[in-house]
Amino acid sequence: MPLIEEPEKAIRLARAIASDISLYNEEKIKDGIEKDTFYDAVAGELEEGRELYRSRISPDLFQRTNYYDRAVIDIILRSKGHIKSRLW
């Protein structure tokens, strides 16, 4: 499979991975947000997602952009704004 080199496709991939993480780890995410330990609570899942993302896009695009990190915030954290947290 050829590596993704187009930014739009890389953004879609990052958002799809973040969406899957959110879907399959709802309780961990909720607990992590409530306790202000989100990144620790889903560290393994986030790293696994990052490695999948890195393996599918060109190294140059990976190093020049932060699409995956933005997707984690946009797809996972922003959608959980209703959860009580000390952060917001």
N, C-alpha and C. Protein backbone atom coordinates (compact mmCIF):
# COMPACT_ATOMS: atom_id res chain seq x y z
N MET A 1 0.85 -1.17 0.00
CA MET A 1 0.00 0.00 0.00
C MET A 1 0.90 1.24 0.00
N PRO A 2 0.67 2.16 -0.93
CA PRO A 2 1.50 3.37 -0.97
C PRO A 2 1.22 4.29 0.23
N LEU A 3 2.23 5.03 0.62
CA LEU A 3 2.09 5.95 1.74
C LEU A 3 1.28 7.17 1.33
N ILE A 4 0.52 7.69 2.26
CA ILE A 4 -0.30 8.88 2.03
C ILE A 4 0.62 10.10 2.00
N GLU A 5 0.45 10.91 0.97
CA GLU A 5 1.25 12.12 0.86
C GLU A 5 0.39 13.38 0.82
N GLU A 6 -0.91 13.23 0.64
CA GLU A 6 -1.81 14.38 0.56
C GLU A 6 -2.31 14.74 1.97
N PRO A 7 -2.19 16.01 2.34
CA PRO A 7 -2.63 16.44 3.67
C PRO A 7 -4.09 16.08 3.99
N GLU A 8 -4.98 16.23 3.03
CA GLU A 8 -6.39 15.94 3.29
C GLU A 8 -6.60 14.48 3.66
N LYS A 9 -5.91 13.60 2.99
CA LYS A 9 -6.03 12.17 3.30
C LYS A 9 -5.40 11.85 4.65
N ALA A 10 -4.31 12.51 4.98
CA ALA A 10 -3.66 12.30 6.28
C ALA A 10 -4.57 12.78 7.40
N ILE A 11 -5.25 13.89 7.19
CA ILE A 11 -6.18 14.40 8.19
C ILE A 11 -7.33 13.42 8.39
N ARG A 12 -7.88 12.90 7.30
CA ARG A 12 -8.97 11.92 7.41
C ARG A 12 -8.52 10.68 8.15
N LEU A 13 -7.32 10.19 7.87
CA LEU A 13 -6.80 9.01 8.56
C LEU A 13 -6.64 9.30 10.06
N ALA A 14 -6.05 10.43 10.40
CA ALA A 14 -5.86 10.80 11.80
C ALA A 14 -7.19 10.88 12.53
N ARG A 15 -8.18 11.47 11.91
CA ARG A 15 -9.50 11.61 12.53
C ARG A 15 -10.18 10.24 12.67
N ALA A 16 -10.00 9.36 11.71
CA ALA A 16 -10.59 8.01 11.80
C ALA A 16 -9.95 7.22 12.94
N ILE A 17 -8.66 7.32 13.08
CA ILE A 17 -7.96 6.63 14.17
C ILE A 17 -8.42 7.17 15.52
N ALA A 18 -8.49 8.50 15.65
CA ALA A 18 -8.95 9.11 16.89
C ALA A 18 -10.39 8.71 17.20
N SER A 19 -11.20 8.63 16.18
CA SER A 19 -12.60 8.23 16.36
C SER A 19 -12.69 6.80 16.89
N ASP A 20 -11.88 5.91 16.35
CA ASP A 20 -11.86 4.53 16.84
C ASP A 20 -11.40 4.46 18.30
N ILE A 21 -10.38 5.23 18.63
CA ILE A 21 -9.90 5.25 20.02
C ILE A 21 -11.03 5.71 20.93
N SER A 22 -11.73 6.74 20.53
CA SER A 22 -12.83 7.26 21.33
C SER A 22 -13.94 6.24 21.48
N LEU A 23 -14.30 5.59 20.40
CA LEU A 23 -15.39 4.62 20.39
C LEU A 23 -15.11 3.42 21.29
N TYR A 24 -13.90 2.91 21.23
CA TYR A 24 -13.59 1.67 21.95
C TYR A 24 -13.03 1.86 23.36
N ASN A 25 -12.85 3.11 23.77
CA ASN A 25 -12.26 3.38 25.09
C ASN A 25 -13.04 4.43 25.86
N GLU A 26 -14.33 4.45 25.69
CA GLU A 26 -15.20 5.47 26.28
C GLU A 26 -15.01 5.60 27.79
N GLU A 27 -15.03 4.50 28.51
CA GLU A 27 -14.92 4.56 29.97
C GLU A 27 -13.55 5.06 30.43
N LYS A 28 -12.49 4.57 29.80
CA LYS A 28 -11.14 5.04 30.15
C LYS A 28 -11.01 6.54 29.92
N ILE A 29 -11.54 6.98 28.80
CA ILE A 29 -11.46 8.40 28.46
C ILE A 29 -12.24 9.23 29.47
N LYS A 30 -13.46 8.81 29.77
CA LYS A 30 -14.30 9.53 30.73
C LYS A 30 -13.59 9.61 32.08
N ASP A 31 -13.08 8.49 32.56
CA ASP A 31 -12.38 8.44 33.83
C ASP A 31 -11.13 9.34 33.81
N GLY A 32 -10.39 9.29 32.72
CA GLY A 32 -9.19 10.10 32.59
C GLY A 32 -9.48 11.59 32.59
N ILE A 33 -10.56 11.98 31.94
CA ILE A 33 -10.94 13.39 31.93
C ILE A 33 -11.38 13.83 33.32
N GLU A 34 -12.21 13.02 33.95
CA GLU A 34 -12.69 13.37 35.29
C GLU A 34 -11.55 13.51 36.30
N LYS A 35 -10.55 12.65 36.19
CA LYS A 35 -9.44 12.66 37.14
C LYS A 35 -8.24 13.46 36.67
N ASP A 36 -8.39 14.12 35.50
CA ASP A 36 -7.30 14.90 34.91
C ASP A 36 -6.07 14.03 34.63
N THR A 37 -6.32 12.80 34.18
CA THR A 37 -5.24 11.88 33.82
C THR A 37 -5.47 11.32 32.41
N PHE A 38 -6.13 12.09 31.57
CA PHE A 38 -6.51 11.59 30.25
C PHE A 38 -5.35 10.96 29.50
N TYR A 39 -4.25 11.68 29.36
CA TYR A 39 -3.13 11.18 28.56
C TYR A 39 -2.49 9.94 29.18
N ASP A 40 -2.49 9.84 30.48
CA ASP A 40 -1.98 8.64 31.13
C ASP A 40 -2.96 7.48 30.98
N ALA A 41 -4.24 7.77 31.08
CA ALA A 41 -5.27 6.73 31.03
C ALA A 41 -5.31 6.02 29.68
N VAL A 42 -5.05 6.74 28.62
CA VAL A 42 -5.12 6.13 27.28
C VAL A 42 -3.78 6.22 26.54
N ALA A 43 -2.70 6.25 27.29
CA ALA A 43 -1.37 6.39 26.69
C ALA A 43 -1.08 5.27 25.68
N GLY A 44 -1.38 4.05 26.05
CA GLY A 44 -1.11 2.93 25.16
C GLY A 44 -1.92 3.01 23.87
N GLU A 45 -3.19 3.35 23.99
CA GLU A 45 -4.06 3.46 22.83
C GLU A 45 -3.62 4.62 21.93
N LEU A 46 -3.25 5.74 22.54
CA LEU A 46 -2.80 6.88 21.75
C LEU A 46 -1.50 6.57 21.02
N GLU A 47 -0.60 5.87 21.67
CA GLU A 47 0.68 5.51 21.03
C GLU A 47 0.46 4.50 19.91
N GLU A 48 -0.40 3.54 20.15
CA GLU A 48 -0.73 2.56 19.10
C GLU A 48 -1.34 3.27 17.89
N GLY A 49 -2.23 4.22 18.14
CA GLY A 49 -2.82 5.00 17.06
C GLY A 49 -1.79 5.83 16.32
N ARG A 50 -0.87 6.43 17.07
CA ARG A 50 0.19 7.23 16.45
C ARG A 50 1.08 6.37 15.55
N GLU A 51 1.40 5.17 16.02
CA GLU A 51 2.24 4.28 15.22
C GLU A 51 1.52 3.83 13.94
N LEU A 52 0.23 3.56 14.04
CA LEU A 52 -0.55 3.22 12.85
C LEU A 52 -0.55 4.40 11.88
N TYR A 53 -0.81 5.58 12.41
CA TYR A 53 -0.81 6.78 11.57
C TYR A 53 0.56 6.97 10.92
N ARG A 54 1.63 6.87 11.70
CA ARG A 54 2.99 7.04 11.17
C ARG A 54 3.30 6.02 10.07
N SER A 55 2.80 4.82 10.22
CA SER A 55 3.09 3.77 9.23
C SER A 55 2.35 3.97 7.92
N ARG A 56 1.32 4.78 7.92
CA ARG A 56 0.49 4.95 6.73
C ARG A 56 0.75 6.24 5.95
N ILE A 57 1.48 7.20 6.55
CA ILE A 57 1.75 8.44 5.83
C ILE A 57 3.24 8.59 5.57
N SER A 58 3.57 9.46 4.62
CA SER A 58 4.97 9.65 4.27
C SER A 58 5.73 10.24 5.47
N PRO A 59 6.99 9.85 5.64
CA PRO A 59 7.78 10.38 6.76
C PRO A 59 7.87 11.91 6.75
N ASP A 60 7.97 12.50 5.56
CA ASP A 60 8.04 13.95 5.45
C ASP A 60 6.78 14.60 5.99
N LEU A 61 5.62 14.08 5.60
CA LEU A 61 4.35 14.63 6.06
C LEU A 61 4.20 14.44 7.57
N PHE A 62 4.64 13.31 8.08
CA PHE A 62 4.56 13.06 9.52
C PHE A 62 5.38 14.09 10.29
N GLN A 63 6.57 14.37 9.82
CA GLN A 63 7.46 15.29 10.54
C GLN A 63 7.04 16.74 10.41
N ARG A 64 6.36 17.09 9.32
CA ARG A 64 5.98 18.49 9.09
C ARG A 64 4.64 18.87 9.71
N THR A 65 3.86 17.91 10.14
CA THR A 65 2.50 18.22 10.58
C THR A 65 2.19 17.62 11.95
N ASN A 66 1.09 18.05 12.52
CA ASN A 66 0.63 17.48 13.79
C ASN A 66 -0.83 17.06 13.66
N TYR A 67 -1.20 16.52 12.53
CA TYR A 67 -2.60 16.14 12.28
C TYR A 67 -3.12 15.13 13.30
N TYR A 68 -2.29 14.20 13.70
CA TYR A 68 -2.75 13.19 14.66
C TYR A 68 -3.07 13.83 16.01
N ASP A 69 -2.17 14.66 16.51
CA ASP A 69 -2.40 15.32 17.80
C ASP A 69 -3.65 16.21 17.75
N ARG A 70 -3.83 16.91 16.64
CA ARG A 70 -5.02 17.75 16.49
C ARG A 70 -6.28 16.90 16.46
N ALA A 71 -6.22 15.73 15.83
CA ALA A 71 -7.38 14.85 15.76
C ALA A 71 -7.74 14.33 17.15
N VAL A 72 -6.75 14.02 17.96
CA VAL A 72 -7.01 13.56 19.33
C VAL A 72 -7.79 14.63 20.09
N ILE A 73 -7.38 15.87 19.95
CA ILE A 73 -8.06 16.96 20.65
C ILE A 73 -9.45 17.19 20.05
N ASP A 74 -9.53 17.30 18.73
CA ASP A 74 -10.81 17.60 18.07
C ASP A 74 -11.83 16.49 18.22
N ILE A 75 -11.41 15.26 18.02
CA ILE A 75 -12.35 14.13 18.00
C ILE A 75 -12.61 13.58 19.39
N ILE A 76 -11.59 13.43 20.19
CA ILE A 76 -11.78 12.80 21.50
C ILE A 76 -12.12 13.84 22.56
N LEU A 77 -11.25 14.77 22.80
CA LEU A 77 -11.45 15.70 23.92
C LEU A 77 -12.58 16.69 23.69
N ARG A 78 -12.65 17.28 22.53
CA ARG A 78 -13.70 18.27 22.29
C ARG A 78 -15.09 17.64 22.40
N SER A 79 -15.22 16.41 21.95
CA SER A 79 -16.54 15.76 22.00
C SER A 79 -16.92 15.36 23.42
N LYS A 80 -15.97 15.39 24.34
CA LYS A 80 -16.24 15.01 25.72
C LYS A 80 -16.31 16.23 26.64
N GLY A 81 -16.57 17.39 26.09
CA GLY A 81 -16.65 18.61 26.86
C GLY A 81 -17.74 18.61 27.92
N HIS A 82 -18.70 17.74 27.79
CA HIS A 82 -19.79 17.64 28.76
C HIS A 82 -19.39 16.92 30.05
N ILE A 83 -18.25 16.24 30.03
CA ILE A 83 -17.78 15.51 31.21
C ILE A 83 -17.16 16.50 32.18
N LYS A 84 -17.55 16.44 33.43
CA LYS A 84 -17.00 17.36 34.44
C LYS A 84 -15.52 17.10 34.63
N SER A 85 -14.78 18.20 34.64
CA SER A 85 -13.34 18.11 34.79
C SER A 85 -12.82 19.39 35.44
N ARG A 86 -11.69 19.27 36.10
CA ARG A 86 -11.05 20.46 36.66
C ARG A 86 -10.47 21.33 35.56
N LEU A 87 -10.30 20.75 34.38
CA LEU A 87 -9.70 21.50 33.28
C LEU A 87 -10.65 22.51 32.67
N TRP A 88 -11.96 22.23 32.71
CA TRP A 88 -12.93 23.17 32.13
C TRP A 88 -14.15 23.30 32.96
